[in-house]
Amino acid sequence: MERTSNLFKTAFILPMMLAHVVSATIWKLMFSPVYGILNNILMMLGYNKVNWTADTDNARFAIILVELWGSTPFCMLIFLAALKTVPKELYESALIDGANRIRTFFGITLPLIRNFLALVVSIRIMDSLRMFDIVYTLTNGGPGDDTETIGTTIYEGGT
């Protein structure tokens, strides 16, 4: 059981350990319209191939997916640490008082982890403002300039 747990933890944290350029390159190969694994899965399910980086909506979705895949482990680690700081006695008291899970979450858990929540939101906002490598590797700011970010605009010398 512990071996399975350790394997799951390793697989879960792996995206956080990869450099953004490496993960974007891997995803770019998976998004490939010709030999990408995602299009092969779609075709096996009976759907048409999707050109992930040629259409604006698909390119934005691809960038969001890659960014979520890479950032979720960090956020989950922070939230797991936050949940460990909540005293179990408070939950026991709420149970004795007859509070349900929703009331316990909004009355105990959320107020006690709000600083951790603010930390994660702040870090994710800062990360989104300096998101260059994933966009540049995956779409190069395209199609057109629809997925441009501040970083790619500065890099290209735009005004």
C-alpha atoms as a PDB file:
ATOM      1  CA  MET A   1       0.000   0.000   0.000  1.00  0.00           C
ATOM      2  CA  GLU A   2       2.768   2.429   0.909  1.00  0.00           C
ATOM      3  CA  ARG A   3       4.592   1.652  -2.332  1.00  0.00           C
ATOM      4  CA  THR A   4       1.472   2.540  -4.332  1.00  0.00           C
ATOM      5  CA  SER A   5       1.079   5.717  -2.295  1.00  0.00           C
ATOM      6  CA  ASN A   6       4.690   6.731  -2.952  1.00  0.00           C
ATOM      7  CA  LEU A   7       4.291   6.003  -6.664  1.00  0.00           C
ATOM      8  CA  PHE A   8       1.142   8.155  -6.774  1.00  0.00           C
ATOM      9  CA  LYS A   9       2.888  11.012  -4.937  1.00  0.00           C
ATOM     10  CA  THR A  10       5.825  10.855  -7.350  1.00  0.00           C
ATOM     11  CA  ALA A  11       3.554  10.885 -10.407  1.00  0.00           C
ATOM     12  CA  PHE A  12       1.541  13.737  -8.936  1.00  0.00           C
ATOM     13  CA  ILE A  13       4.567  15.923  -8.151  1.00  0.00           C
ATOM     14  CA  LEU A  14       6.440  15.147 -11.383  1.00  0.00           C
ATOM     15  CA  PRO A  15       4.919  18.053 -13.411  1.00  0.00           C
ATOM     16  CA  MET A  16       6.192  20.501 -10.814  1.00  0.00           C
ATOM     17  CA  MET A  17       9.722  19.136 -11.113  1.00  0.00           C
ATOM     18  CA  LEU A  18       9.953  19.499 -14.887  1.00  0.00           C
ATOM     19  CA  ALA A  19      11.174  22.717 -16.440  1.00  0.00           C
ATOM     20  CA  HIS A  20       8.355  24.605 -18.132  1.00  0.00           C
ATOM     21  CA  VAL A  21      10.059  24.398 -21.517  1.00  0.00           C
ATOM     22  CA  VAL A  22      10.396  20.621 -21.191  1.00  0.00           C
ATOM     23  CA  SER A  23       6.763  20.122 -20.197  1.00  0.00           C
ATOM     24  CA  ALA A  24       5.574  22.501 -22.958  1.00  0.00           C
ATOM     25  CA  THR A  25       7.625  20.556 -25.508  1.00  0.00           C
ATOM     26  CA  ILE A  26       6.130  17.261 -24.337  1.00  0.00           C
ATOM     27  CA  TRP A  27       2.621  18.730 -24.542  1.00  0.00           C
ATOM     28  CA  LYS A  28       3.371  20.226 -27.975  1.00  0.00           C
ATOM     29  CA  LEU A  29       4.165  16.720 -29.194  1.00  0.00           C
ATOM     30  CA  MET A  30       0.963  15.395 -27.637  1.00  0.00           C
ATOM     31  CA  PHE A  31      -1.033  18.220 -29.276  1.00  0.00           C
ATOM     32  CA  SER A  32       0.466  17.568 -32.721  1.00  0.00           C
ATOM     33  CA  PRO A  33      -2.301  17.419 -35.350  1.00  0.00           C
ATOM     34  CA  VAL A  34      -0.589  14.606 -37.277  1.00  0.00           C
ATOM     35  CA  TYR A  35       0.996  12.234 -34.755  1.00  0.00           C
ATOM     36  CA  GLY A  36      -0.150  13.591 -31.395  1.00  0.00           C
ATOM     37  CA  ILE A  37      -1.530  11.141 -28.873  1.00  0.00           C
ATOM     38  CA  LEU A  38      -4.509  13.379 -28.025  1.00  0.00           C
ATOM     39  CA  ASN A  39      -5.746  13.360 -31.617  1.00  0.00           C
ATOM     40  CA  ASN A  40      -5.244   9.590 -31.783  1.00  0.00           C
ATOM     41  CA  ILE A  41      -7.420   9.198 -28.679  1.00  0.00           C
ATOM     42  CA  LEU A  42     -10.058  11.517 -30.171  1.00  0.00           C
ATOM     43  CA  MET A  43     -10.101   9.479 -33.402  1.00  0.00           C
ATOM     44  CA  MET A  44     -10.443   6.200 -31.454  1.00  0.00           C
ATOM     45  CA  LEU A  45     -13.459   7.730 -29.693  1.00  0.00           C
ATOM     46  CA  GLY A  46     -14.976   8.666 -33.057  1.00  0.00           C
ATOM     47  CA  TYR A  47     -14.224  12.403 -33.076  1.00  0.00           C
ATOM     48  CA  ASN A  48     -12.364  14.449 -35.687  1.00  0.00           C
ATOM     49  CA  LYS A  49      -8.772  15.550 -35.263  1.00  0.00           C
ATOM     50  CA  VAL A  50      -8.216  18.942 -33.651  1.00  0.00           C
ATOM     51  CA  ASN A  51      -5.476  21.363 -34.631  1.00  0.00           C
ATOM     52  CA  TRP A  52      -4.738  22.467 -31.092  1.00  0.00           C
ATOM     53  CA  THR A  53      -2.461  25.412 -31.840  1.00  0.00           C
ATOM     54  CA  ALA A  54      -4.001  26.756 -35.064  1.00  0.00           C
ATOM     55  CA  ASP A  55      -7.366  27.861 -33.682  1.00  0.00           C
ATOM     56  CA  THR A  56      -7.539  30.641 -31.085  1.00  0.00           C
ATOM     57  CA  ASP A  57      -9.887  28.890 -28.682  1.00  0.00           C
ATOM     58  CA  ASN A  58      -8.041  25.571 -28.930  1.00  0.00           C
ATOM     59  CA  ALA A  59      -4.663  27.276 -28.450  1.00  0.00           C
ATOM     60  CA  ARG A  60      -5.898  29.079 -25.347  1.00  0.00           C
ATOM     61  CA  PHE A  61      -7.373  25.849 -24.010  1.00  0.00           C
ATOM     62  CA  ALA A  62      -4.055  24.068 -24.650  1.00  0.00           C
ATOM     63  CA  ILE A  63      -2.090  26.752 -22.792  1.00  0.00           C
ATOM     64  CA  ILE A  64      -4.511  26.664 -19.855  1.00  0.00           C
ATOM     65  CA  LEU A  65      -4.326  22.862 -19.740  1.00  0.00           C
ATOM     66  CA  VAL A  66      -0.516  22.824 -19.722  1.00  0.00           C
ATOM     67  CA  GLU A  67      -0.385  25.562 -17.091  1.00  0.00           C
ATOM     68  CA  LEU A  68      -2.891  23.768 -14.852  1.00  0.00           C
ATOM     69  CA  TRP A  69      -1.040  20.488 -15.253  1.00  0.00           C
ATOM     70  CA  GLY A  70       2.200  22.120 -14.140  1.00  0.00           C
ATOM     71  CA  SER A  71       0.852  24.256 -11.309  1.00  0.00           C
ATOM     72  CA  THR A  72      -1.667  21.950  -9.635  1.00  0.00           C
ATOM     73  CA  PRO A  73       0.908  19.951  -7.634  1.00  0.00           C
ATOM     74  CA  PHE A  74       2.301  23.085  -5.990  1.00  0.00           C
ATOM     75  CA  CYS A  75      -1.160  24.346  -5.075  1.00  0.00           C
ATOM     76  CA  MET A  76      -2.181  20.954  -3.714  1.00  0.00           C
ATOM     77  CA  LEU A  77       0.964  20.727  -1.563  1.00  0.00           C
ATOM     78  CA  ILE A  78       0.196  24.127  -0.051  1.00  0.00           C
ATOM     79  CA  PHE A  79      -3.442  23.194   0.591  1.00  0.00           C
ATOM     80  CA  LEU A  80      -2.499  19.831   2.115  1.00  0.00           C
ATOM     81  CA  ALA A  81      -0.091  21.603   4.462  1.00  0.00           C
ATOM     82  CA  ALA A  82      -2.802  24.134   5.285  1.00  0.00           C
ATOM     83  CA  LEU A  83      -5.311  21.427   6.133  1.00  0.00           C
ATOM     84  CA  LYS A  84      -2.820  19.840   8.533  1.00  0.00           C
ATOM     85  CA  THR A  85      -2.725  23.089  10.528  1.00  0.00           C
ATOM     86  CA  VAL A  86      -6.450  22.934  11.353  1.00  0.00           C
ATOM     87  CA  PRO A  87      -6.883  21.401  14.841  1.00  0.00           C
ATOM     88  CA  LYS A  88      -8.914  18.176  14.822  1.00  0.00           C
ATOM     89  CA  GLU A  89     -10.572  19.231  18.065  1.00  0.00           C
ATOM     90  CA  LEU A  90     -12.508  21.911  16.192  1.00  0.00           C
ATOM     91  CA  TYR A  91     -14.006  19.309  13.874  1.00  0.00           C
ATOM     92  CA  GLU A  92     -14.919  17.109  16.838  1.00  0.00           C
ATOM     93  CA  SER A  93     -16.630  20.058  18.543  1.00  0.00           C
ATOM     94  CA  ALA A  94     -18.536  20.898  15.375  1.00  0.00           C
ATOM     95  CA  LEU A  95     -19.651  17.274  15.051  1.00  0.00           C
ATOM     96  CA  ILE A  96     -20.899  17.262  18.650  1.00  0.00           C
ATOM     97  CA  ASP A  97     -22.746  20.547  17.993  1.00  0.00           C
ATOM     98  CA  GLY A  98     -24.452  18.936  15.003  1.00  0.00           C
ATOM     99  CA  ALA A  99     -22.751  20.850  12.180  1.00  0.00           C
ATOM    100  CA  ASN A 100     -22.803  19.179   8.771  1.00  0.00           C
ATOM    101  CA  ARG A 101     -19.788  18.989   6.431  1.00  0.00           C
ATOM    102  CA  ILE A 102     -20.677  22.124   4.489  1.00  0.00           C
ATOM    103  CA  ARG A 103     -21.108  24.182   7.654  1.00  0.00           C
ATOM    104  CA  THR A 104     -17.851  22.756   9.035  1.00  0.00           C
ATOM    105  CA  PHE A 105     -16.009  23.649   5.834  1.00  0.00           C
ATOM    106  CA  PHE A 106     -17.267  27.230   5.693  1.00  0.00           C
ATOM    107  CA  GLY A 107     -17.203  27.780   9.453  1.00  0.00           C
ATOM    108  CA  ILE A 108     -13.914  26.126  10.415  1.00  0.00           C
ATOM    109  CA  THR A 109     -11.743  24.993   7.516  1.00  0.00           C
ATOM    110  CA  LEU A 110     -11.993  27.944   5.144  1.00  0.00           C
ATOM    111  CA  PRO A 111     -11.418  30.680   7.764  1.00  0.00           C
ATOM    112  CA  LEU A 112      -8.392  28.849   9.149  1.00  0.00           C
ATOM    113  CA  ILE A 113      -6.732  28.286   5.764  1.00  0.00           C
ATOM    114  CA  ARG A 114      -7.579  31.676   4.224  1.00  0.00           C
ATOM    115  CA  ASN A 115      -3.965  32.898   4.537  1.00  0.00           C
ATOM    116  CA  PHE A 116      -2.755  29.857   2.605  1.00  0.00           C
ATOM    117  CA  LEU A 117      -5.457  30.483   0.018  1.00  0.00           C
ATOM    118  CA  ALA A 118      -4.301  34.088  -0.333  1.00  0.00           C
ATOM    119  CA  LEU A 119      -0.709  32.868  -0.727  1.00  0.00           C
ATOM    120  CA  VAL A 120      -1.622  30.461  -3.519  1.00  0.00           C
ATOM    121  CA  VAL A 121      -3.733  33.057  -5.332  1.00  0.00           C
ATOM    122  CA  SER A 122      -0.921  35.636  -5.076  1.00  0.00           C
ATOM    123  CA  ILE A 123       1.702  33.223  -6.372  1.00  0.00           C
ATOM    124  CA  ARG A 124      -0.521  32.072  -9.240  1.00  0.00           C
ATOM    125  CA  ILE A 125      -1.208  35.694 -10.257  1.00  0.00           C
ATOM    126  CA  MET A 126       2.530  36.410 -10.280  1.00  0.00           C
ATOM    127  CA  ASP A 127       3.155  33.231 -12.287  1.00  0.00           C
ATOM    128  CA  SER A 128       0.513  34.196 -14.830  1.00  0.00           C
ATOM    129  CA  LEU A 129       2.099  37.615 -15.326  1.00  0.00           C
ATOM    130  CA  ARG A 130       5.475  36.093 -16.107  1.00  0.00           C
ATOM    131  CA  MET A 131       4.200  33.225 -18.216  1.00  0.00           C
ATOM    132  CA  PHE A 132       6.483  33.261 -21.219  1.00  0.00           C
ATOM    133  CA  ASP A 133       8.107  29.883 -21.695  1.00  0.00           C
ATOM    134  CA  ILE A 134       4.969  27.764 -22.064  1.00  0.00           C
ATOM    135  CA  VAL A 135       3.300  30.174 -24.505  1.00  0.00           C
ATOM    136  CA  TYR A 136       6.450  30.675 -26.558  1.00  0.00           C
ATOM    137  CA  THR A 137       7.203  26.950 -26.763  1.00  0.00           C
ATOM    138  CA  LEU A 138       3.634  25.801 -27.363  1.00  0.00           C
ATOM    139  CA  THR A 139       2.159  28.431 -29.707  1.00  0.00           C
ATOM    140  CA  ASN A 140       4.818  31.121 -30.209  1.00  0.00           C
ATOM    141  CA  GLY A 141       2.061  33.626 -29.400  1.00  0.00           C
ATOM    142  CA  GLY A 142      -0.109  32.430 -32.259  1.00  0.00           C
ATOM    143  CA  PRO A 143      -2.314  31.937 -34.071  1.00  0.00           C
ATOM    144  CA  GLY A 144      -1.631  35.493 -35.114  1.00  0.00           C
ATOM    145  CA  ASP A 145      -1.060  37.183 -31.791  1.00  0.00           C
ATOM    146  CA  ASP A 146      -4.082  35.716 -30.009  1.00  0.00           C
ATOM    147  CA  THR A 147      -2.101  33.968 -27.275  1.00  0.00           C
ATOM    148  CA  GLU A 148       0.491  36.686 -26.775  1.00  0.00           C
ATOM    149  CA  THR A 149       1.444  37.517 -23.217  1.00  0.00           C
ATOM    150  CA  ILE A 150       3.352  40.457 -21.789  1.00  0.00           C
ATOM    151  CA  GLY A 151       6.534  38.387 -21.932  1.00  0.00           C
ATOM    152  CA  THR A 152       6.180  37.257 -25.543  1.00  0.00           C
ATOM    153  CA  THR A 153       5.299  40.783 -26.644  1.00  0.00           C
ATOM    154  CA  ILE A 154       8.406  42.180 -24.976  1.00  0.00           C
ATOM    155  CA  TYR A 155      10.539  39.357 -26.390  1.00  0.00           C
ATOM    156  CA  GLU A 156       9.311  40.032 -29.913  1.00  0.00           C
ATOM    157  CA  GLY A 157      10.056  43.738 -29.456  1.00  0.00           C
ATOM    158  CA  GLY A 158       6.441  44.821 -29.803  1.00  0.00           C
ATOM    159  CA  THR A 159       4.936  47.917 -28.306  1.00  0.00           C
END
